[in-house]
Amino acid sequence: MKVRGLSLLRVGGIQIIIDYSWFVIFFLVIYSMTEVYFLQTQGRYSTPEYWIMGLAAATLLFVSVLVHELAHSFVALRHGVEVVSIRLFIFGGVAQIASEPKSGRHEFLIALAGPVASMILACFFGGIYYLFSLLWSPSSALGVIAGCLALANAGLALFNLIPGFPLDGGRILRAILWDRWNDTGRATKVVSQIGNVFALLLIALGVVQFLLAKNLISGLWFIFIGLFMKQSALGSYQAVVLREALAGVKVRQIMTENVVAVDWLASLEELVRDYIYRHQFTHFPVFNRDELLGMVSLAQVKDVPKDLWPFKQVRDIMAPIDDVPSLKPNDDATEALSRMVSDDLGRMPVIEDGRLVGIVSRRDILNLFKIKSDLGLA
């Protein structure tokens, strides 16, 4: 799988990834906690000490966000939902899953796990703050950090309970409606519309903050979150519509059987000229006569300097077939699309009993969806 960001560690088999955009919000949180919370509400420590407190609080806050996402993920795994990774990015965190919950009840439990984890953390940090207040002073450094984190985690839990996509509250509401109506598409549409309304309210609040209250940072932050929610609400509904349109469709129904294959001894110059330019594909199966050896891609060619293309052969850069993600003819089209998106692949070979029987691409799947949409069947 191609990782976009920094791969941090694995927890319970789940890859933790830090998106590059995360660093932007990390420094903004440090600044906000130091300049707005610590320096303006406290007065016992020096400015450098407050910056150290801000760094510690921001780090623990993002650990809290990670715990929030891990709670979702572990409950999802318990209910048979495969979790590939957790990505920390500018708006918090998101778990990437390879399958969907099987029922509204499962989704309810998965969605509820995050806010519950955040509230437990809020109580934990609140307890530490109370303990330091009793034994030492409410303004002690650790006590101040704990109090800040208690408020932040409580805020995170309450904000995520807003009943609109893509927030946890939206998923909880969808789970309830899904279980009541037994119609995922209808439930998703309603919750997406609610999420869109909340997104517009946040954008309006941001504009008010920006223009009337002259609060630049707060206003821009509300606007960005609102735009993110609006886009995510639309994307969530479109994903469900796509999944329903592809329900019951097998890979064998959409795969291309007459596969364009490349000989393993072909030069990279031939590969580019006679295959990539001519057929405009980015991935090709590689054969030695009738034996499937692997796959070669445009990305692998780009890693080789152009002046070496006439001298390098396909076999020098191809991925061995044992390392290539593949599909079976009876796999669901939705599963195929999910795997191609998660592995950042444009095409995947379809293999049955060790033989290449076809190849399927994202374009094939999305073309079927477009046809169904044009016919009013999606």
Protein backbone atom coordinates (compact mmCIF):
# COMPACT_ATOMS: atom_id res chain seq x y z
CA MET A 1 0.00 0.00 0.00
CA LYS A 2 1.29 3.45 -0.94
CA VAL A 3 1.52 5.59 2.19
CA ARG A 4 0.90 9.31 1.78
CA GLY A 5 2.44 10.77 4.90
CA LEU A 6 4.74 9.56 7.64
CA SER A 7 4.22 5.99 8.81
CA LEU A 8 4.50 6.26 12.58
CA LEU A 9 3.85 2.82 14.12
CA ARG A 10 1.42 -0.10 14.19
CA VAL A 11 -1.06 -0.62 17.02
CA GLY A 12 -2.94 -3.91 17.07
CA GLY A 13 -2.13 -4.44 13.41
CA ILE A 14 -3.40 -0.96 12.44
CA GLN A 15 -0.96 1.35 10.67
CA ILE A 16 -0.78 4.84 12.18
CA ILE A 17 0.01 7.50 9.58
CA ILE A 18 0.68 11.20 10.11
CA ASP A 19 -0.49 13.21 7.12
CA TYR A 20 1.73 16.16 6.22
CA SER A 21 -1.19 18.55 6.83
CA TRP A 22 -1.20 17.42 10.48
CA PHE A 23 1.89 19.49 11.22
CA VAL A 24 -0.02 22.67 10.33
CA ILE A 25 -2.71 22.12 12.95
CA PHE A 26 -0.14 20.81 15.46
CA PHE A 27 1.72 24.12 15.45
CA LEU A 28 -1.56 26.07 15.47
CA VAL A 29 -2.69 24.14 18.56
CA ILE A 30 0.63 24.81 20.30
CA TYR A 31 0.27 28.51 19.51
CA SER A 32 -3.38 28.64 20.62
CA MET A 33 -2.77 26.79 23.88
CA THR A 34 0.26 28.90 24.72
CA GLU A 35 -0.82 32.39 23.64
CA VAL A 36 -4.57 32.15 24.23
CA TYR A 37 -5.04 29.68 27.08
CA PHE A 38 -1.88 29.59 29.21
CA LEU A 39 -0.47 33.12 28.86
CA GLN A 40 -3.83 34.90 29.14
CA THR A 41 -5.38 32.81 31.92
CA GLN A 42 -2.27 32.09 33.98
CA GLY A 43 0.53 34.28 35.26
CA ARG A 44 2.86 32.18 37.33
CA TYR A 45 5.45 30.99 34.79
CA SER A 46 7.75 32.58 32.24
CA THR A 47 6.88 32.73 28.54
CA PRO A 48 9.34 29.91 27.57
CA GLU A 49 7.84 27.71 30.29
CA TYR A 50 4.35 28.34 28.92
CA TRP A 51 5.54 27.38 25.43
CA ILE A 52 6.87 24.10 26.86
CA MET A 53 3.48 23.55 28.53
CA GLY A 54 1.77 24.30 25.22
CA LEU A 55 3.95 21.74 23.43
CA ALA A 56 3.20 19.10 26.08
CA ALA A 57 -0.55 19.81 25.98
CA ALA A 58 -0.69 19.75 22.17
CA THR A 59 1.19 16.44 22.06
CA LEU A 60 -1.14 14.86 24.62
CA LEU A 61 -4.16 16.25 22.78
CA PHE A 62 -3.17 14.45 19.61
CA VAL A 63 -2.48 11.30 21.59
CA SER A 64 -6.08 11.73 22.79
CA VAL A 65 -7.28 12.04 19.17
CA LEU A 66 -5.40 8.84 18.36
CA VAL A 67 -7.05 7.07 21.32
CA HIS A 68 -10.44 8.31 20.02
CA GLU A 69 -9.75 6.76 16.59
CA LEU A 70 -8.31 3.56 18.06
CA ALA A 71 -11.52 3.12 20.08
CA HIS A 72 -13.49 3.23 16.82
CA SER A 73 -11.06 0.82 15.19
CA PHE A 74 -10.91 -1.80 17.94
CA VAL A 75 -14.71 -1.94 18.19
CA ALA A 76 -14.86 -2.18 14.38
CA LEU A 77 -12.40 -5.10 14.39
CA ARG A 78 -14.47 -6.80 17.08
CA HIS A 79 -17.49 -6.66 14.74
CA GLY A 80 -15.69 -7.98 11.68
CA VAL A 81 -14.85 -4.66 9.99
CA GLU A 82 -11.31 -4.62 8.60
CA VAL A 83 -9.38 -1.48 9.57
CA VAL A 84 -6.37 -0.73 7.36
CA SER A 85 -4.95 2.41 8.95
CA ILE A 86 -5.57 5.53 11.00
CA ARG A 87 -4.52 8.84 9.47
CA LEU A 88 -3.94 11.92 11.61
CA PHE A 89 -4.44 15.02 9.50
CA ILE A 90 -5.34 18.69 9.75
CA PHE A 91 -8.94 18.08 10.92
CA GLY A 92 -8.13 15.37 13.46
CA GLY A 93 -8.08 11.70 12.56
CA VAL A 94 -9.85 9.21 10.34
CA ALA A 95 -9.80 5.42 10.17
CA GLN A 96 -9.54 3.83 6.74
CA ILE A 97 -11.62 0.66 6.53
CA ALA A 98 -11.64 -2.06 3.87
CA SER A 99 -15.21 -3.19 4.61
CA GLU A 100 -18.42 -1.74 5.98
CA PRO A 101 -20.42 -2.56 9.15
CA LYS A 102 -22.90 -5.37 8.55
CA SER A 103 -25.79 -3.75 10.42
CA GLY A 104 -27.01 -0.53 12.00
CA ARG A 105 -26.31 -1.95 15.46
CA HIS A 106 -22.66 -2.57 14.58
CA GLU A 107 -22.25 0.93 13.17
CA PHE A 108 -23.90 2.41 16.28
CA LEU A 109 -21.39 0.70 18.59
CA ILE A 110 -18.43 1.60 16.37
CA ALA A 111 -19.45 5.27 16.11
CA LEU A 112 -20.22 5.60 19.82
CA ALA A 113 -16.82 4.21 20.87
CA GLY A 114 -14.92 7.39 19.93
CA PRO A 115 -16.93 9.93 21.95
CA VAL A 116 -17.03 7.49 24.90
CA ALA A 117 -13.22 7.20 24.80
CA SER A 118 -12.90 11.00 24.68
CA MET A 119 -15.24 11.44 27.66
CA ILE A 120 -13.27 8.85 29.63
CA LEU A 121 -10.10 10.81 28.86
CA ALA A 122 -11.85 14.05 29.89
CA CYS A 123 -12.75 12.47 33.24
CA PHE A 124 -9.21 11.10 33.62
CA PHE A 125 -7.54 14.46 33.01
CA GLY A 126 -10.22 16.19 35.10
CA GLY A 127 -9.39 13.85 37.97
CA ILE A 128 -5.70 14.71 37.67
CA TYR A 129 -6.55 18.43 37.68
CA TYR A 130 -8.73 17.98 40.79
CA LEU A 131 -5.99 15.96 42.53
CA PHE A 132 -3.34 18.61 41.86
CA SER A 133 -5.74 21.31 43.01
CA LEU A 134 -6.25 19.51 46.33
CA LEU A 135 -2.64 18.52 47.01
CA TRP A 136 -0.73 21.43 45.50
CA SER A 137 -2.22 24.34 43.57
CA PRO A 138 -4.70 24.74 40.68
CA SER A 139 -2.01 26.76 38.88
CA SER A 140 0.68 24.05 39.03
CA ALA A 141 2.02 23.23 35.58
CA LEU A 142 0.76 19.64 35.46
CA GLY A 143 -2.58 20.68 36.90
CA VAL A 144 -3.03 23.42 34.29
CA ILE A 145 -2.14 21.03 31.44
CA ALA A 146 -4.52 18.39 32.82
CA GLY A 147 -7.34 20.94 33.11
CA CYS A 148 -6.77 22.08 29.54
CA LEU A 149 -6.84 18.48 28.26
CA ALA A 150 -10.00 17.70 30.23
CA LEU A 151 -11.80 20.60 28.52
CA ALA A 152 -10.34 19.71 25.10
CA ASN A 153 -11.41 16.05 25.28
CA ALA A 154 -14.88 16.94 26.52
CA GLY A 155 -15.16 19.43 23.64
CA LEU A 156 -13.94 16.80 21.18
CA ALA A 157 -16.57 14.33 22.39
CA LEU A 158 -19.43 16.86 22.29
CA PHE A 159 -18.44 18.25 18.88
CA ASN A 160 -18.28 14.75 17.42
CA LEU A 161 -21.81 14.06 18.69
CA ILE A 162 -23.28 16.63 16.26
CA PRO A 163 -25.78 14.49 14.28
CA GLY A 164 -24.38 15.01 10.79
CA PHE A 165 -21.79 13.40 8.54
CA PRO A 166 -18.86 12.96 8.79
CA LEU A 167 -19.00 13.28 12.58
CA ASP A 168 -19.63 10.38 14.96
CA GLY A 169 -23.04 11.78 15.85
CA GLY A 170 -24.00 11.53 12.19
CA ARG A 171 -22.94 7.91 12.08
CA ILE A 172 -24.88 7.19 15.27
CA LEU A 173 -28.00 8.77 13.79
CA ARG A 174 -27.49 6.89 10.52
CA ALA A 175 -27.18 3.64 12.46
CA ILE A 176 -30.50 4.31 14.22
CA LEU A 177 -32.27 5.22 10.96
CA TRP A 178 -30.63 2.30 9.13
CA ASP A 179 -31.89 -0.11 11.77
CA ARG A 180 -35.37 1.44 11.69
CA TRP A 181 -35.80 1.74 7.91
CA ASN A 182 -33.53 -1.12 6.80
CA ASP A 183 -32.35 1.22 4.04
CA THR A 184 -28.73 2.39 4.19
CA GLY A 185 -29.08 4.76 1.24
CA ARG A 186 -32.08 6.59 2.66
CA ALA A 187 -30.50 6.86 6.12
CA THR A 188 -27.24 8.16 4.63
CA LYS A 189 -29.03 10.74 2.51
CA VAL A 190 -30.92 12.16 5.52
CA VAL A 191 -27.82 12.33 7.73
CA SER A 192 -25.74 13.83 4.91
CA GLN A 193 -28.35 16.59 4.51
CA ILE A 194 -28.19 17.29 8.26
CA GLY A 195 -24.38 17.37 8.07
CA ASN A 196 -24.62 19.81 5.18
CA VAL A 197 -26.85 22.14 7.26
CA PHE A 198 -24.39 22.09 10.18
CA ALA A 199 -21.53 22.73 7.74
CA LEU A 200 -23.29 25.82 6.37
CA LEU A 201 -23.93 27.05 9.93
CA LEU A 202 -20.23 26.67 10.77
CA ILE A 203 -19.25 28.54 7.61
CA ALA A 204 -21.70 31.35 8.47
CA LEU A 205 -20.34 31.48 12.04
CA GLY A 206 -16.82 31.69 10.64
CA VAL A 207 -17.78 34.59 8.38
CA VAL A 208 -19.36 36.41 11.34
CA GLN A 209 -16.24 35.82 13.45
CA PHE A 210 -14.03 37.01 10.61
CA LEU A 211 -15.98 40.13 9.60
CA LEU A 212 -17.75 41.32 12.76
CA ALA A 213 -15.68 40.03 15.66
CA LYS A 214 -12.40 40.62 13.78
CA ASN A 215 -11.23 37.20 14.96
CA LEU A 216 -9.16 36.03 11.99
CA ILE A 217 -7.91 32.66 13.24
CA SER A 218 -11.19 31.55 14.80
CA GLY A 219 -13.20 32.67 11.76
CA LEU A 220 -10.98 30.91 9.24
CA TRP A 221 -10.96 27.78 11.38
CA PHE A 222 -14.79 27.60 11.46
CA ILE A 223 -14.91 28.16 7.70
CA PHE A 224 -12.36 25.41 6.99
CA ILE A 225 -14.15 22.92 9.25
CA GLY A 226 -17.48 23.80 7.64
CA LEU A 227 -16.11 23.29 4.13
CA PHE A 228 -14.57 19.98 5.20
CA MET A 229 -17.87 18.80 6.71
CA LYS A 230 -19.81 19.86 3.61
CA GLN A 231 -17.48 17.98 1.27
CA SER A 232 -17.38 14.91 3.52
CA ALA A 233 -21.18 14.80 3.84
CA LEU A 234 -21.51 14.81 0.05
CA GLY A 235 -18.74 12.24 -0.36
CA SER A 236 -20.28 9.89 2.21
CA TYR A 237 -23.61 9.87 0.39
CA GLN A 238 -21.98 9.37 -3.00
CA ALA A 239 -20.00 6.43 -1.60
CA VAL A 240 -23.19 4.73 -0.40
CA VAL A 241 -24.93 5.33 -3.74
CA LEU A 242 -21.92 3.84 -5.52
CA ARG A 243 -21.88 0.82 -3.19
CA GLU A 244 -25.60 0.18 -3.70
CA ALA A 245 -25.28 0.51 -7.49
CA LEU A 246 -22.51 -2.11 -7.50
CA ALA A 247 -24.27 -4.48 -5.09
CA GLY A 248 -24.28 -8.01 -6.48
CA VAL A 249 -21.90 -7.17 -9.35
CA LYS A 250 -18.98 -9.59 -9.63
CA VAL A 251 -15.53 -8.83 -10.99
CA ARG A 252 -16.02 -11.34 -13.84
CA GLN A 253 -18.90 -9.20 -15.16
CA ILE A 254 -16.76 -6.08 -15.64
CA MET A 255 -13.22 -7.37 -16.18
CA THR A 256 -11.44 -7.18 -19.53
CA GLU A 257 -10.64 -10.69 -20.72
CA ASN A 258 -8.44 -9.79 -23.70
CA VAL A 259 -5.54 -8.50 -21.68
CA VAL A 260 -2.72 -6.45 -23.17
CA ALA A 261 0.42 -8.16 -21.84
CA VAL A 262 4.10 -7.26 -22.02
CA ASP A 263 7.00 -9.64 -22.67
CA TRP A 264 9.45 -9.70 -19.79
CA LEU A 265 12.41 -9.09 -22.15
CA ALA A 266 10.95 -5.92 -23.71
CA SER A 267 12.98 -2.77 -23.12
CA LEU A 268 11.52 0.09 -21.15
CA GLU A 269 11.67 2.16 -24.32
CA GLU A 270 9.43 -0.41 -26.04
CA LEU A 271 7.15 -0.50 -23.02
CA VAL A 272 6.61 3.25 -23.14
CA ARG A 273 6.34 3.53 -26.93
CA ASP A 274 4.33 0.40 -27.81
CA TYR A 275 2.23 -0.09 -24.70
CA ILE A 276 1.85 2.94 -22.41
CA TYR A 277 1.50 5.50 -25.24
CA ARG A 278 -0.56 3.22 -27.46
CA HIS A 279 -3.01 1.76 -24.95
CA GLN A 280 -2.84 4.55 -22.33
CA PHE A 281 -2.82 2.10 -19.43
CA THR A 282 -0.65 2.55 -16.35
CA HIS A 283 -0.29 -1.14 -15.37
CA PHE A 284 0.50 -4.18 -17.53
CA PRO A 285 0.85 -7.90 -16.74
CA VAL A 286 4.26 -9.34 -17.61
CA PHE A 287 4.63 -12.77 -19.25
CA ASN A 288 7.40 -15.16 -20.21
CA ARG A 289 5.55 -17.01 -22.98
CA ASP A 290 2.48 -18.38 -21.15
CA GLU A 291 3.78 -17.84 -17.61
CA LEU A 292 2.55 -14.83 -15.65
CA LEU A 293 5.58 -13.32 -13.91
CA GLY A 294 4.33 -10.06 -12.46
CA MET A 295 3.10 -6.53 -13.17
CA VAL A 296 4.87 -3.44 -14.43
CA SER A 297 3.60 0.10 -13.94
CA LEU A 298 4.16 3.63 -15.18
CA ALA A 299 5.39 4.61 -11.71
CA GLN A 300 8.17 1.99 -11.90
CA VAL A 301 9.26 3.31 -15.31
CA LYS A 302 9.42 6.87 -13.96
CA ASP A 303 11.96 5.77 -11.36
CA VAL A 304 14.46 4.87 -14.11
CA PRO A 305 16.42 7.67 -15.86
CA LYS A 306 15.25 8.12 -19.49
CA ASP A 307 18.71 7.57 -20.94
CA LEU A 308 18.63 4.02 -19.50
CA TRP A 309 15.27 3.04 -21.01
CA PRO A 310 16.79 1.41 -24.13
CA PHE A 311 19.05 -0.77 -21.96
CA LYS A 312 16.74 -1.72 -19.09
CA GLN A 313 14.22 -4.53 -19.54
CA VAL A 314 10.78 -4.98 -18.06
CA ARG A 315 12.00 -7.87 -15.92
CA ASP A 316 14.43 -5.48 -14.21
CA ILE A 317 11.71 -3.30 -12.70
CA MET A 318 8.52 -5.39 -12.59
CA ALA A 319 6.84 -6.43 -9.33
CA PRO A 320 6.87 -10.26 -8.92
CA ILE A 321 3.39 -11.77 -9.12
CA ASP A 322 3.60 -12.94 -5.49
CA ASP A 323 3.87 -9.29 -4.42
CA VAL A 324 1.03 -8.05 -6.65
CA PRO A 325 -2.46 -7.52 -5.13
CA SER A 326 -4.95 -9.53 -7.20
CA LEU A 327 -8.65 -10.30 -7.44
CA LYS A 328 -10.73 -13.39 -8.10
CA PRO A 329 -13.56 -13.54 -10.67
CA ASN A 330 -16.21 -13.95 -7.96
CA ASP A 331 -15.04 -11.02 -5.82
CA ASP A 332 -17.55 -8.17 -5.42
CA ALA A 333 -16.99 -5.06 -7.53
CA THR A 334 -17.31 -2.91 -4.38
CA GLU A 335 -14.50 -4.89 -2.73
CA ALA A 336 -12.38 -4.51 -5.86
CA LEU A 337 -12.86 -0.74 -5.93
CA SER A 338 -12.14 -0.45 -2.20
CA ARG A 339 -8.89 -2.39 -2.57
CA MET A 340 -7.78 -0.35 -5.58
CA VAL A 341 -8.41 2.90 -3.70
CA SER A 342 -6.67 1.74 -0.50
CA ASP A 343 -3.65 0.38 -2.43
CA ASP A 344 -3.63 3.36 -4.84
CA LEU A 345 -3.89 1.11 -7.90
CA GLY A 346 -5.50 1.89 -11.25
CA ARG A 347 -5.76 -1.73 -12.43
CA MET A 348 -5.63 -5.16 -10.79
CA PRO A 349 -5.14 -8.61 -12.35
CA VAL A 350 -7.90 -11.20 -11.96
CA ILE A 351 -6.42 -14.62 -11.24
CA GLU A 352 -8.15 -18.00 -11.04
CA ASP A 353 -6.28 -21.24 -10.30
CA GLY A 354 -2.97 -19.49 -10.93
CA ARG A 355 -4.03 -18.24 -14.37
CA LEU A 356 -4.61 -14.67 -15.47
CA VAL A 357 -8.23 -14.59 -16.67
CA GLY A 358 -8.67 -10.84 -16.94
CA ILE A 359 -7.88 -7.42 -15.61
CA VAL A 360 -10.15 -4.84 -14.00
CA SER A 361 -9.65 -1.10 -13.57
CA ARG A 362 -11.22 1.70 -11.60
CA ARG A 363 -12.42 3.07 -14.94
CA ASP A 364 -14.31 -0.18 -15.66
CA ILE A 365 -16.12 0.00 -12.31
CA LEU A 366 -16.94 3.70 -12.52
CA ASN A 367 -18.16 3.31 -16.14
CA LEU A 368 -20.64 0.68 -14.95
CA PHE A 369 -21.81 3.07 -12.24
CA LYS A 370 -22.26 5.86 -14.80
CA ILE A 371 -24.30 3.58 -17.06
CA LYS A 372 -26.55 2.56 -14.16
CA SER A 373 -26.93 6.23 -13.16
CA ASP A 374 -27.88 7.22 -16.73
CA LEU A 375 -30.48 4.44 -16.78
CA GLY A 376 -31.88 5.57 -13.44
CA LEU A 377 -30.78 2.36 -11.73
CA ALA A 378 -28.40 4.01 -9.25
